[in-house]
Amino acid sequence: MDSFMFSGIGTGIFFTFFILIFTLVIGTFIFVAIKGISEWSKNNQSPVLTVPAEVVTKRTQTSGGRGDSSARTRYFVTFQVQSGDRMELGVDGSDFGLLAEEDLGMLTFQGTRFKGFERK
């Protein structure tokens, strides 16, 4: 009878743990989806602005894979506008390659979306 009680307790703990992890995973998925949709919507409602800016720095973020083709690289450039404010925007690889630190020009963006940079 004692072994029956312990197996029941173990099963209950396992079930509770399973439900907790399942809820956490689903909750995280829903949170990330809502956050992404919210940022997309906010960017769509923002005006497209073109302002004088300087390229301050560039960085990459690589994730996944083990150096093979399944790895993903994201590219980011930090711009400083005339007011002294800085903003980091995600860019595609071709734009990343064309920009150099200390480049001066006209930055076009919409919310957090990079639209272009025309060097002076």
PDB file of N, CA and C in Angstrom:
ATOM      1  N   MET A   1       0.818  -1.178   0.000  1.00  0.00           N
ATOM      2  CA  MET A   1       0.000   0.000   0.000  1.00  0.00           C
ATOM      3  C   MET A   1       0.873   1.257   0.000  1.00  0.00           C
ATOM      4  N   ASP A   2       2.024   1.232   0.688  1.00  0.00           N
ATOM      5  CA  ASP A   2       2.902   2.396   0.702  1.00  0.00           C
ATOM      6  C   ASP A   2       3.434   2.696  -0.696  1.00  0.00           C
ATOM      7  N   SER A   3       3.790   1.664  -1.465  1.00  0.00           N
ATOM      8  CA  SER A   3       4.306   1.912  -2.809  1.00  0.00           C
ATOM      9  C   SER A   3       3.224   2.516  -3.705  1.00  0.00           C
ATOM     10  N   PHE A   4       1.969   2.158  -3.469  1.00  0.00           N
ATOM     11  CA  PHE A   4       0.872   2.739  -4.240  1.00  0.00           C
ATOM     12  C   PHE A   4       0.762   4.232  -3.960  1.00  0.00           C
ATOM     13  N   MET A   5       0.915   4.647  -2.715  1.00  0.00           N
ATOM     14  CA  MET A   5       0.825   6.059  -2.351  1.00  0.00           C
ATOM     15  C   MET A   5       1.962   6.854  -2.990  1.00  0.00           C
ATOM     16  N   PHE A   6       3.177   6.305  -2.979  1.00  0.00           N
ATOM     17  CA  PHE A   6       4.306   7.011  -3.556  1.00  0.00           C
ATOM     18  C   PHE A   6       4.186   7.129  -5.068  1.00  0.00           C
ATOM     19  N   SER A   7       3.688   6.101  -5.729  1.00  0.00           N
ATOM     20  CA  SER A   7       3.535   6.180  -7.178  1.00  0.00           C
ATOM     21  C   SER A   7       2.460   7.204  -7.528  1.00  0.00           C
ATOM     22  N   GLY A   8       1.426   7.314  -6.719  1.00  0.00           N
ATOM     23  CA  GLY A   8       0.388   8.318  -6.946  1.00  0.00           C
ATOM     24  C   GLY A   8       0.923   9.717  -6.752  1.00  0.00           C
ATOM     25  N   ILE A   9       1.745   9.912  -5.737  1.00  0.00           N
ATOM     26  CA  ILE A   9       2.343  11.222  -5.479  1.00  0.00           C
ATOM     27  C   ILE A   9       3.296  11.580  -6.619  1.00  0.00           C
ATOM     28  N   GLY A  10       4.119  10.618  -7.048  1.00  0.00           N
ATOM     29  CA  GLY A  10       5.065  10.853  -8.148  1.00  0.00           C
ATOM     30  C   GLY A  10       4.337  11.212  -9.431  1.00  0.00           C
ATOM     31  N   THR A  11       3.261  10.525  -9.717  1.00  0.00           N
ATOM     32  CA  THR A  11       2.491  10.803 -10.923  1.00  0.00           C
ATOM     33  C   THR A  11       1.875  12.195 -10.848  1.00  0.00           C
ATOM     34  N   GLY A  12       1.361  12.568  -9.678  1.00  0.00           N
ATOM     35  CA  GLY A  12       0.771  13.896  -9.504  1.00  0.00           C
ATOM     36  C   GLY A  12       1.791  15.005  -9.675  1.00  0.00           C
ATOM     37  N   ILE A  13       2.992  14.800  -9.134  1.00  0.00           N
ATOM     38  CA  ILE A  13       4.053  15.798  -9.256  1.00  0.00           C
ATOM     39  C   ILE A  13       4.488  15.914 -10.717  1.00  0.00           C
ATOM     40  N   PHE A  14       4.642  14.759 -11.377  1.00  0.00           N
ATOM     41  CA  PHE A  14       5.029  14.762 -12.791  1.00  0.00           C
ATOM     42  C   PHE A  14       3.978  15.486 -13.625  1.00  0.00           C
ATOM     43  N   PHE A  15       2.713  15.208 -13.407  1.00  0.00           N
ATOM     44  CA  PHE A  15       1.628  15.834 -14.151  1.00  0.00           C
ATOM     45  C   PHE A  15       1.607  17.342 -13.909  1.00  0.00           C
ATOM     46  N   THR A  16       1.767  17.768 -12.667  1.00  0.00           N
ATOM     47  CA  THR A  16       1.788  19.191 -12.331  1.00  0.00           C
ATOM     48  C   THR A  16       2.973  19.876 -13.010  1.00  0.00           C
ATOM     49  N   PHE A  17       4.148  19.236 -12.969  1.00  0.00           N
ATOM     50  CA  PHE A  17       5.340  19.776 -13.602  1.00  0.00           C
ATOM     51  C   PHE A  17       5.144  19.886 -15.115  1.00  0.00           C
ATOM     52  N   PHE A  18       4.552  18.863 -15.723  1.00  0.00           N
ATOM     53  CA  PHE A  18       4.286  18.855 -17.164  1.00  0.00           C
ATOM     54  C   PHE A  18       3.352  20.011 -17.546  1.00  0.00           C
ATOM     55  N   ILE A  19       2.271  20.192 -16.800  1.00  0.00           N
ATOM     56  CA  ILE A  19       1.315  21.266 -17.073  1.00  0.00           C
ATOM     57  C   ILE A  19       1.995  22.630 -16.908  1.00  0.00           C
ATOM     58  N   LEU A  20       2.830  22.786 -15.901  1.00  0.00           N
ATOM     59  CA  LEU A  20       3.540  24.041 -15.661  1.00  0.00           C
ATOM     60  C   LEU A  20       4.460  24.378 -16.834  1.00  0.00           C
ATOM     61  N   ILE A  21       5.258  23.425 -17.288  1.00  0.00           N
ATOM     62  CA  ILE A  21       6.181  23.644 -18.406  1.00  0.00           C
ATOM     63  C   ILE A  21       5.398  23.927 -19.690  1.00  0.00           C
ATOM     64  N   PHE A  22       4.339  23.159 -19.945  1.00  0.00           N
ATOM     65  CA  PHE A  22       3.511  23.346 -21.132  1.00  0.00           C
ATOM     66  C   PHE A  22       2.920  24.764 -21.146  1.00  0.00           C
ATOM     67  N   THR A  23       2.400  25.205 -20.015  1.00  0.00           N
ATOM     68  CA  THR A  23       1.809  26.536 -19.903  1.00  0.00           C
ATOM     69  C   THR A  23       2.867  27.619 -20.120  1.00  0.00           C
ATOM     70  N   LEU A  24       4.044  27.418 -19.569  1.00  0.00           N
ATOM     71  CA  LEU A  24       5.139  28.369 -19.732  1.00  0.00           C
ATOM     72  C   LEU A  24       5.554  28.485 -21.203  1.00  0.00           C
ATOM     73  N   VAL A  25       5.679  27.379 -21.897  1.00  0.00           N
ATOM     74  CA  VAL A  25       6.073  27.391 -23.313  1.00  0.00           C
ATOM     75  C   VAL A  25       5.005  28.083 -24.157  1.00  0.00           C
ATOM     76  N   ILE A  26       3.763  27.725 -23.975  1.00  0.00           N
ATOM     77  CA  ILE A  26       2.677  28.338 -24.737  1.00  0.00           C
ATOM     78  C   ILE A  26       2.572  29.826 -24.413  1.00  0.00           C
ATOM     79  N   GLY A  27       2.699  30.188 -23.139  1.00  0.00           N
ATOM     80  CA  GLY A  27       2.644  31.591 -22.728  1.00  0.00           C
ATOM     81  C   GLY A  27       3.753  32.409 -23.363  1.00  0.00           C
ATOM     82  N   THR A  28       4.958  31.853 -23.411  1.00  0.00           N
ATOM     83  CA  THR A  28       6.090  32.538 -24.027  1.00  0.00           C
ATOM     84  C   THR A  28       5.845  32.741 -25.516  1.00  0.00           C
ATOM     85  N   PHE A  29       5.343  31.713 -26.169  1.00  0.00           N
ATOM     86  CA  PHE A  29       5.038  31.803 -27.604  1.00  0.00           C
ATOM     87  C   PHE A  29       4.017  32.911 -27.863  1.00  0.00           C
ATOM     88  N   ILE A  30       2.963  32.963 -27.078  1.00  0.00           N
ATOM     89  CA  ILE A  30       1.921  33.975 -27.247  1.00  0.00           C
ATOM     90  C   ILE A  30       2.492  35.373 -26.987  1.00  0.00           C
ATOM     91  N   PHE A  31       3.306  35.528 -25.942  1.00  0.00           N
ATOM     92  CA  PHE A  31       3.920  36.816 -25.613  1.00  0.00           C
ATOM     93  C   PHE A  31       4.792  37.314 -26.763  1.00  0.00           C
ATOM     94  N   VAL A  32       5.642  36.450 -27.320  1.00  0.00           N
ATOM     95  CA  VAL A  32       6.536  36.838 -28.407  1.00  0.00           C
ATOM     96  C   VAL A  32       5.726  37.217 -29.647  1.00  0.00           C
ATOM     97  N   ALA A  33       4.676  36.466 -29.938  1.00  0.00           N
ATOM     98  CA  ALA A  33       3.835  36.769 -31.099  1.00  0.00           C
ATOM     99  C   ALA A  33       3.150  38.124 -30.936  1.00  0.00           C
ATOM    100  N   ILE A  34       2.591  38.386 -29.773  1.00  0.00           N
ATOM    101  CA  ILE A  34       1.909  39.665 -29.537  1.00  0.00           C
ATOM    102  C   ILE A  34       2.902  40.823 -29.601  1.00  0.00           C
ATOM    103  N   LYS A  35       4.090  40.634 -29.031  1.00  0.00           N
ATOM    104  CA  LYS A  35       5.111  41.683 -29.064  1.00  0.00           C
ATOM    105  C   LYS A  35       5.526  41.984 -30.505  1.00  0.00           C
ATOM    106  N   GLY A  36       5.719  40.960 -31.311  1.00  0.00           N
ATOM    107  CA  GLY A  36       6.097  41.154 -32.712  1.00  0.00           C
ATOM    108  C   GLY A  36       5.023  41.859 -33.511  1.00  0.00           C
ATOM    109  N   ILE A  37       3.774  41.462 -33.321  1.00  0.00           N
ATOM    110  CA  ILE A  37       2.658  42.102 -34.023  1.00  0.00           C
ATOM    111  C   ILE A  37       2.525  43.548 -33.584  1.00  0.00           C
ATOM    112  N   SER A  38       2.724  43.808 -32.296  1.00  0.00           N
ATOM    113  CA  SER A  38       2.631  45.168 -31.766  1.00  0.00           C
ATOM    114  C   SER A  38       3.702  46.065 -32.382  1.00  0.00           C
ATOM    115  N   GLU A  39       4.949  45.584 -32.469  1.00  0.00           N
ATOM    116  CA  GLU A  39       6.034  46.377 -33.047  1.00  0.00           C
ATOM    117  C   GLU A  39       5.783  46.607 -34.539  1.00  0.00           C
ATOM    118  N   TRP A  40       5.320  45.595 -35.239  1.00  0.00           N
ATOM    119  CA  TRP A  40       5.015  45.712 -36.667  1.00  0.00           C
ATOM    120  C   TRP A  40       3.946  46.787 -36.887  1.00  0.00           C
ATOM    121  N   SER A  41       2.895  46.753 -36.067  1.00  0.00           N
ATOM    122  CA  SER A  41       1.806  47.723 -36.179  1.00  0.00           C
ATOM    123  C   SER A  41       2.295  49.137 -35.866  1.00  0.00           C
ATOM    124  N   LYS A  42       3.089  49.263 -34.817  1.00  0.00           N
ATOM    125  CA  LYS A  42       3.626  50.581 -34.432  1.00  0.00           C
ATOM    126  C   LYS A  42       4.504  51.146 -35.542  1.00  0.00           C
ATOM    127  N   ASN A  43       5.341  50.304 -36.155  1.00  0.00           N
ATOM    128  CA  ASN A  43       6.186  50.757 -37.263  1.00  0.00           C
ATOM    129  C   ASN A  43       5.332  51.222 -38.441  1.00  0.00           C
ATOM    130  N   ASN A  44       4.269  50.489 -38.760  1.00  0.00           N
ATOM    131  CA  ASN A  44       3.399  50.867 -39.873  1.00  0.00           C
ATOM    132  C   ASN A  44       2.728  52.209 -39.643  1.00  0.00           C
ATOM    133  N   GLN A  45       2.441  52.543 -38.380  1.00  0.00           N
ATOM    134  CA  GLN A  45       1.776  53.806 -38.063  1.00  0.00           C
ATOM    135  C   GLN A  45       2.761  54.970 -37.924  1.00  0.00           C
ATOM    136  N   SER A  46       4.047  54.672 -37.839  1.00  0.00           N
ATOM    137  CA  SER A  46       5.055  55.725 -37.698  1.00  0.00           C
ATOM    138  C   SER A  46       5.316  56.384 -39.046  1.00  0.00           C
ATOM    139  N   PRO A  47       5.654  57.674 -39.024  1.00  0.00           N
ATOM    140  CA  PRO A  47       5.989  58.344 -40.290  1.00  0.00           C
ATOM    141  C   PRO A  47       7.366  57.900 -40.784  1.00  0.00           C
ATOM    142  N   VAL A  48       7.558  57.967 -42.089  1.00  0.00           N
ATOM    143  CA  VAL A  48       8.878  57.716 -42.670  1.00  0.00           C
ATOM    144  C   VAL A  48       9.658  59.022 -42.540  1.00  0.00           C
ATOM    145  N   LEU A  49      10.794  58.963 -41.840  1.00  0.00           N
ATOM    146  CA  LEU A  49      11.607  60.159 -41.591  1.00  0.00           C
ATOM    147  C   LEU A  49      12.961  60.029 -42.277  1.00  0.00           C
ATOM    148  N   THR A  50      13.467  61.145 -42.762  1.00  0.00           N
ATOM    149  CA  THR A  50      14.810  61.214 -43.314  1.00  0.00           C
ATOM    150  C   THR A  50      15.544  62.321 -42.566  1.00  0.00           C
ATOM    151  N   VAL A  51      16.630  61.956 -41.885  1.00  0.00           N
ATOM    152  CA  VAL A  51      17.369  62.899 -41.044  1.00  0.00           C
ATOM    153  C   VAL A  51      18.874  62.738 -41.270  1.00  0.00           C
ATOM    154  N   PRO A  52      19.643  63.824 -41.056  1.00  0.00           N
ATOM    155  CA  PRO A  52      21.102  63.704 -41.116  1.00  0.00           C
ATOM    156  C   PRO A  52      21.582  62.797 -39.972  1.00  0.00           C
ATOM    157  N   ALA A  53      22.518  61.905 -40.280  1.00  0.00           N
ATOM    158  CA  ALA A  53      22.999  60.971 -39.258  1.00  0.00           C
ATOM    159  C   ALA A  53      24.424  60.530 -39.567  1.00  0.00           C
ATOM    160  N   GLU A  54      25.042  59.967 -38.541  1.00  0.00           N
ATOM    161  CA  GLU A  54      26.389  59.395 -38.662  1.00  0.00           C
ATOM    162  C   GLU A  54      26.333  57.933 -38.240  1.00  0.00           C
ATOM    163  N   VAL A  55      27.049  57.078 -38.971  1.00  0.00           N
ATOM    164  CA  VAL A  55      27.173  55.676 -38.570  1.00  0.00           C
ATOM    165  C   VAL A  55      28.173  55.626 -37.422  1.00  0.00           C
ATOM    166  N   VAL A  56      27.707  55.185 -36.246  1.00  0.00           N
ATOM    167  CA  VAL A  56      28.565  55.160 -35.062  1.00  0.00           C
ATOM    168  C   VAL A  56      29.263  53.808 -34.931  1.00  0.00           C
ATOM    169  N   THR A  57      28.501  52.736 -35.052  1.00  0.00           N
ATOM    170  CA  THR A  57      29.090  51.405 -34.923  1.00  0.00           C
ATOM    171  C   THR A  57      28.225  50.367 -35.630  1.00  0.00           C
ATOM    172  N   LYS A  58      28.806  49.221 -35.873  1.00  0.00           N
ATOM    173  CA  LYS A  58      28.107  48.108 -36.514  1.00  0.00           C
ATOM    174  C   LYS A  58      28.345  46.857 -35.675  1.00  0.00           C
ATOM    175  N   ARG A  59      27.360  45.949 -35.692  1.00  0.00           N
ATOM    176  CA  ARG A  59      27.556  44.681 -34.985  1.00  0.00           C
ATOM    177  C   ARG A  59      26.741  43.589 -35.664  1.00  0.00           C
ATOM    178  N   THR A  60      27.130  42.350 -35.411  1.00  0.00           N
ATOM    179  CA  THR A  60      26.391  41.186 -35.918  1.00  0.00           C
ATOM    180  C   THR A  60      25.991  40.307 -34.747  1.00  0.00           C
ATOM    181  N   GLN A  61      24.950  39.509 -34.980  1.00  0.00           N
ATOM    182  CA  GLN A  61      24.495  38.532 -33.985  1.00  0.00           C
ATOM    183  C   GLN A  61      24.244  37.232 -34.738  1.00  0.00           C
ATOM    184  N   THR A  62      25.009  36.199 -34.409  1.00  0.00           N
ATOM    185  CA  THR A  62      24.868  34.911 -35.069  1.00  0.00           C
ATOM    186  C   THR A  62      24.231  33.927 -34.109  1.00  0.00           C
ATOM    187  N   SER A  63      23.269  33.165 -34.612  1.00  0.00           N
ATOM    188  CA  SER A  63      22.603  32.174 -33.771  1.00  0.00           C
ATOM    189  C   SER A  63      22.332  30.914 -34.585  1.00  0.00           C
ATOM    190  N   GLY A  64      22.183  29.814 -33.863  1.00  0.00           N
ATOM    191  CA  GLY A  64      21.858  28.544 -34.501  1.00  0.00           C
ATOM    192  C   GLY A  64      23.044  27.929 -35.201  1.00  0.00           C
ATOM    193  N   GLY A  65      22.871  26.684 -35.611  1.00  0.00           N
ATOM    194  CA  GLY A  65      23.894  25.987 -36.381  1.00  0.00           C
ATOM    195  C   GLY A  65      25.205  25.823 -35.647  1.00  0.00           C
ATOM    196  N   ARG A  66      26.116  25.223 -36.324  1.00  0.00           N
ATOM    197  CA  ARG A  66      27.479  25.052 -35.811  1.00  0.00           C
ATOM    198  C   ARG A  66      28.454  25.487 -36.888  1.00  0.00           C
ATOM    199  N   GLY A  67      28.188  26.670 -37.415  1.00  0.00           N
ATOM    200  CA  GLY A  67      29.042  27.183 -38.469  1.00  0.00           C
ATOM    201  C   GLY A  67      28.630  26.725 -39.854  1.00  0.00           C
ATOM    202  N   ASP A  68      27.601  25.888 -39.951  1.00  0.00           N
ATOM    203  CA  ASP A  68      27.143  25.442 -41.266  1.00  0.00           C
ATOM    204  C   ASP A  68      26.058  26.381 -41.793  1.00  0.00           C
ATOM    205  N   SER A  69      25.389  25.984 -42.837  1.00  0.00           N
ATOM    206  CA  SER A  69      24.408  26.864 -43.478  1.00  0.00           C
ATOM    207  C   SER A  69      23.152  27.102 -42.638  1.00  0.00           C
ATOM    208  N   SER A  70      22.969  26.375 -41.555  1.00  0.00           N
ATOM    209  CA  SER A  70      21.774  26.587 -40.737  1.00  0.00           C
ATOM    210  C   SER A  70      21.952  27.743 -39.749  1.00  0.00           C
ATOM    211  N   ALA A  71      23.152  28.311 -39.684  1.00  0.00           N
ATOM    212  CA  ALA A  71      23.382  29.458 -38.808  1.00  0.00           C
ATOM    213  C   ALA A  71      22.701  30.686 -39.400  1.00  0.00           C
ATOM    214  N   ARG A  72      22.259  31.589 -38.537  1.00  0.00           N
ATOM    215  CA  ARG A  72      21.579  32.813 -38.969  1.00  0.00           C
ATOM    216  C   ARG A  72      22.353  34.001 -38.411  1.00  0.00           C
ATOM    217  N   THR A  73      22.647  34.960 -39.279  1.00  0.00           N
ATOM    218  CA  THR A  73      23.336  36.169 -38.842  1.00  0.00           C
ATOM    219  C   THR A  73      22.414  37.353 -39.032  1.00  0.00           C
ATOM    220  N   ARG A  74      22.292  38.156 -37.982  1.00  0.00           N
ATOM    221  CA  ARG A  74      21.516  39.398 -38.041  1.00  0.00           C
ATOM    222  C   ARG A  74      22.497  40.551 -37.976  1.00  0.00           C
ATOM    223  N   TYR A  75      22.189  41.631 -38.686  1.00  0.00           N
ATOM    224  CA  TYR A  75      23.091  42.769 -38.796  1.00  0.00           C
ATOM    225  C   TYR A  75      22.433  44.006 -38.193  1.00  0.00           C
ATOM    226  N   PHE A  76      23.212  44.769 -37.423  1.00  0.00           N
ATOM    227  CA  PHE A  76      22.713  45.970 -36.761  1.00  0.00           C
ATOM    228  C   PHE A  76      23.697  47.118 -36.960  1.00  0.00           C
ATOM    229  N   VAL A  77      23.149  48.318 -37.131  1.00  0.00           N
ATOM    230  CA  VAL A  77      23.972  49.524 -37.262  1.00  0.00           C
ATOM    231  C   VAL A  77      23.417  50.566 -36.288  1.00  0.00           C
ATOM    232  N   THR A  78      24.323  51.216 -35.561  1.00  0.00           N
ATOM    233  CA  THR A  78      23.929  52.300 -34.658  1.00  0.00           C
ATOM    234  C   THR A  78      24.202  53.617 -35.346  1.00  0.00           C
ATOM    235  N   PHE A  79      23.167  54.442 -35.415  1.00  0.00           N
ATOM    236  CA  PHE A  79      23.256  55.771 -36.025  1.00  0.00           C
ATOM    237  C   PHE A  79      23.113  56.827 -34.938  1.00  0.00           C
ATOM    238  N   GLN A  80      23.804  57.949 -35.119  1.00  0.00           N
ATOM    239  CA  GLN A  80      23.637  59.102 -34.225  1.00  0.00           C
ATOM    240  C   GLN A  80      23.101  60.254 -35.066  1.00  0.00           C
ATOM    241  N   VAL A  81      21.972  60.810 -34.613  1.00  0.00           N
ATOM    242  CA  VAL A  81      21.355  61.933 -35.327  1.00  0.00           C
ATOM    243  C   VAL A  81      21.850  63.248 -34.732  1.00  0.00           C
ATOM    244  N   GLN A  82      21.472  64.375 -35.359  1.00  0.00           N
ATOM    245  CA  GLN A  82      21.989  65.688 -34.957  1.00  0.00           C
ATOM    246  C   GLN A  82      21.722  66.033 -33.501  1.00  0.00           C
ATOM    247  N   SER A  83      20.607  65.563 -32.941  1.00  0.00           N
ATOM    248  CA  SER A  83      20.281  65.875 -31.543  1.00  0.00           C
ATOM    249  C   SER A  83      21.193  65.147 -30.564  1.00  0.00           C
ATOM    250  N   GLY A  84      21.990  64.193 -31.068  1.00  0.00           N
ATOM    251  CA  GLY A  84      22.858  63.404 -30.204  1.00  0.00           C
ATOM    252  C   GLY A  84      22.252  62.064 -29.826  1.00  0.00           C
ATOM    253  N   ASP A  85      20.968  61.867 -30.148  1.00  0.00           N
ATOM    254  CA  ASP A  85      20.314  60.580 -29.870  1.00  0.00           C
ATOM    255  C   ASP A  85      20.893  59.503 -30.777  1.00  0.00           C
ATOM    256  N   ARG A  86      20.948  58.307 -30.239  1.00  0.00           N
ATOM    257  CA  ARG A  86      21.428  57.159 -31.013  1.00  0.00           C
ATOM    258  C   ARG A  86      20.312  56.142 -31.153  1.00  0.00           C
ATOM    259  N   MET A  87      20.310  55.465 -32.300  1.00  0.00           N
ATOM    260  CA  MET A  87      19.338  54.396 -32.511  1.00  0.00           C
ATOM    261  C   MET A  87      20.024  53.256 -33.241  1.00  0.00           C
ATOM    262  N   GLU A  88      19.720  52.048 -32.788  1.00  0.00           N
ATOM    263  CA  GLU A  88      20.251  50.861 -33.438  1.00  0.00           C
ATOM    264  C   GLU A  88      19.147  50.258 -34.280  1.00  0.00           C
ATOM    265  N   LEU A  89      19.439  50.064 -35.556  1.00  0.00           N
ATOM    266  CA  LEU A  89      18.454  49.525 -36.478  1.00  0.00           C
ATOM    267  C   LEU A  89      18.993  48.254 -37.126  1.00  0.00           C
ATOM    268  N   GLY A  90      18.116  47.289 -37.311  1.00  0.00           N
ATOM    269  CA  GLY A  90      18.474  46.084 -38.032  1.00  0.00           C
ATOM    270  C   GLY A  90      18.535  46.386 -39.520  1.00  0.00           C
ATOM    271  N   VAL A  91      19.568  45.901 -40.181  1.00  0.00           N
ATOM    272  CA  VAL A  91      19.735  46.111 -41.626  1.00  0.00           C
ATOM    273  C   VAL A  91      19.996  44.763 -42.280  1.00  0.00           C
ATOM    274  N   ASP A  92      19.855  44.703 -43.610  1.00  0.00           N
ATOM    275  CA  ASP A  92      20.201  43.448 -44.276  1.00  0.00           C
ATOM    276  C   ASP A  92      21.702  43.428 -44.564  1.00  0.00           C
ATOM    277  N   GLY A  93      22.195  42.273 -44.944  1.00  0.00           N
ATOM    278  CA  GLY A  93      23.629  42.087 -45.109  1.00  0.00           C
ATOM    279  C   GLY A  93      24.255  42.997 -46.145  1.00  0.00           C
ATOM    280  N   SER A  94      23.535  43.265 -47.238  1.00  0.00           N
ATOM    281  CA  SER A  94      24.118  44.118 -48.288  1.00  0.00           C
ATOM    282  C   SER A  94      24.270  45.561 -47.802  1.00  0.00           C
ATOM    283  N   ASP A  95      23.285  46.083 -47.071  1.00  0.00           N
ATOM    284  CA  ASP A  95      23.411  47.429 -46.504  1.00  0.00           C
ATOM    285  C   ASP A  95      24.528  47.461 -45.468  1.00  0.00           C
ATOM    286  N   PHE A  96      24.625  46.417 -44.651  1.00  0.00           N
ATOM    287  CA  PHE A  96      25.654  46.336 -43.623  1.00  0.00           C
ATOM    288  C   PHE A  96      27.036  46.443 -44.252  1.00  0.00           C
ATOM    289  N   GLY A  97      27.232  45.750 -45.358  1.00  0.00           N
ATOM    290  CA  GLY A  97      28.526  45.754 -46.033  1.00  0.00           C
ATOM    291  C   GLY A  97      28.893  47.093 -46.654  1.00  0.00           C
ATOM    292  N   LEU A  98      27.885  47.879 -47.034  1.00  0.00           N
ATOM    293  CA  LEU A  98      28.135  49.165 -47.670  1.00  0.00           C
ATOM    294  C   LEU A  98      28.394  50.295 -46.686  1.00  0.00           C
ATOM    295  N   LEU A  99      28.020  50.111 -45.421  1.00  0.00           N
ATOM    296  CA  LEU A  99      28.174  51.158 -44.417  1.00  0.00           C
ATOM    297  C   LEU A  99      29.485  50.994 -43.661  1.00  0.00           C
ATOM    298  N   ALA A 100      30.098  52.126 -43.345  1.00  0.00           N
ATOM    299  CA  ALA A 100      31.336  52.115 -42.557  1.00  0.00           C
ATOM    300  C   ALA A 100      31.177  53.094 -41.401  1.00  0.00           C
ATOM    301  N   GLU A 101      31.829  52.786 -40.291  1.00  0.00           N
ATOM    302  CA  GLU A 101      31.787  53.692 -39.144  1.00  0.00           C
ATOM    303  C   GLU A 101      32.286  55.062 -39.563  1.00  0.00           C
ATOM    304  N   GLU A 102      31.651  56.091 -39.033  1.00  0.00           N
ATOM    305  CA  GLU A 102      31.925  57.502 -39.290  1.00  0.00           C
ATOM    306  C   GLU A 102      31.374  57.996 -40.624  1.00  0.00           C
ATOM    307  N   ASP A 103      30.632  57.160 -41.364  1.00  0.00           N
ATOM    308  CA  ASP A 103      29.952  57.635 -42.570  1.00  0.00           C
ATOM    309  C   ASP A 103      28.927  58.686 -42.174  1.00  0.00           C
ATOM    310  N   LEU A 104      28.842  59.758 -42.942  1.00  0.00           N
ATOM    311  CA  LEU A 104      27.843  60.801 -42.744  1.00  0.00           C
ATOM    312  C   LEU A 104      26.874  60.754 -43.917  1.00  0.00           C
ATOM    313  N   GLY A 105      25.596  60.992 -43.623  1.00  0.00           N
ATOM    314  CA  GLY A 105      24.625  60.992 -44.699  1.00  0.00           C
ATOM    315  C   GLY A 105      23.219  61.186 -44.182  1.00  0.00           C
ATOM    316  N   MET A 106      22.263  60.822 -45.021  1.00  0.00           N
ATOM    317  CA  MET A 106      20.852  60.966 -44.692  1.00  0.00           C
ATOM    318  C   MET A 106      20.270  59.581 -44.412  1.00  0.00           C
ATOM    319  N   LEU A 107      19.784  59.402 -43.182  1.00  0.00           N
ATOM    320  CA  LEU A 107      19.174  58.145 -42.740  1.00  0.00           C
ATOM    321  C   LEU A 107      17.667  58.228 -42.943  1.00  0.00           C
ATOM    322  N   THR A 108      17.108  57.214 -43.582  1.00  0.00           N
ATOM    323  CA  THR A 108      15.658  57.121 -43.732  1.00  0.00           C
ATOM    324  C   THR A 108      15.205  55.905 -42.937  1.00  0.00           C
ATOM    325  N   PHE A 109      14.211  56.128 -42.056  1.00  0.00           N
ATOM    326  CA  PHE A 109      13.709  55.045 -41.218  1.00  0.00           C
ATOM    327  C   PHE A 109      12.228  55.259 -40.927  1.00  0.00           C
ATOM    328  N   GLN A 110      11.586  54.194 -40.494  1.00  0.00           N
ATOM    329  CA  GLN A 110      10.175  54.242 -40.102  1.00  0.00           C
ATOM    330  C   GLN A 110      10.043  53.446 -38.809  1.00  0.00           C
ATOM    331  N   GLY A 111       9.880  54.145 -37.701  1.00  0.00           N
ATOM    332  CA  GLY A 111       9.829  53.467 -36.403  1.00  0.00           C
ATOM    333  C   GLY A 111      11.176  52.829 -36.120  1.00  0.00           C
ATOM    334  N   THR A 112      11.205  51.493 -36.050  1.00  0.00           N
ATOM    335  CA  THR A 112      12.467  50.773 -35.845  1.00  0.00           C
ATOM    336  C   THR A 112      12.937  50.095 -37.125  1.00  0.00           C
ATOM    337  N   ARG A 113      12.343  50.456 -38.255  1.00  0.00           N
ATOM    338  CA  ARG A 113      12.686  49.874 -39.553  1.00  0.00           C
ATOM    339  C   ARG A 113      13.675  50.760 -40.308  1.00  0.00           C
ATOM    340  N   PHE A 114      14.774  50.172 -40.696  1.00  0.00           N
ATOM    341  CA  PHE A 114      15.753  50.855 -41.558  1.00  0.00           C
ATOM    342  C   PHE A 114      15.213  50.871 -42.969  1.00  0.00           C
ATOM    343  N   LYS A 115      15.193  52.065 -43.590  1.00  0.00           N
ATOM    344  CA  LYS A 115      14.709  52.190 -44.972  1.00  0.00           C
ATOM    345  C   LYS A 115      15.841  52.495 -45.935  1.00  0.00           C
ATOM    346  N   GLY A 116      16.905  53.149 -45.450  1.00  0.00           N
ATOM    347  CA  GLY A 116      18.011  53.460 -46.331  1.00  0.00           C
ATOM    348  C   GLY A 116      18.967  54.470 -45.716  1.00  0.00           C
ATOM    349  N   PHE A 117      20.141  54.561 -46.315  1.00  0.00           N
ATOM    350  CA  PHE A 117      21.138  55.535 -45.884  1.00  0.00           C
ATOM    351  C   PHE A 117      21.844  56.028 -47.145  1.00  0.00           C
ATOM    352  N   GLU A 118      21.780  57.337 -47.374  1.00  0.00           N
ATOM    353  CA  GLU A 118      22.440  57.945 -48.532  1.00  0.00           C
ATOM    354  C   GLU A 118      23.645  58.721 -48.024  1.00  0.00           C
ATOM    355  N   ARG A 119      24.819  58.231 -48.377  1.00  0.00           N
ATOM    356  CA  ARG A 119      26.078  58.848 -47.941  1.00  0.00           C
ATOM    357  C   ARG A 119      26.242  60.211 -48.587  1.00  0.00           C
ATOM    358  N   LYS A 120      26.761  61.192 -47.822  1.00  0.00           N
ATOM    359  CA  LYS A 120      27.044  62.534 -48.359  1.00  0.00           C
ATOM    360  C   LYS A 120      28.387  62.550 -49.025  1.00  0.00           C
TER     361      LYS A 120
END
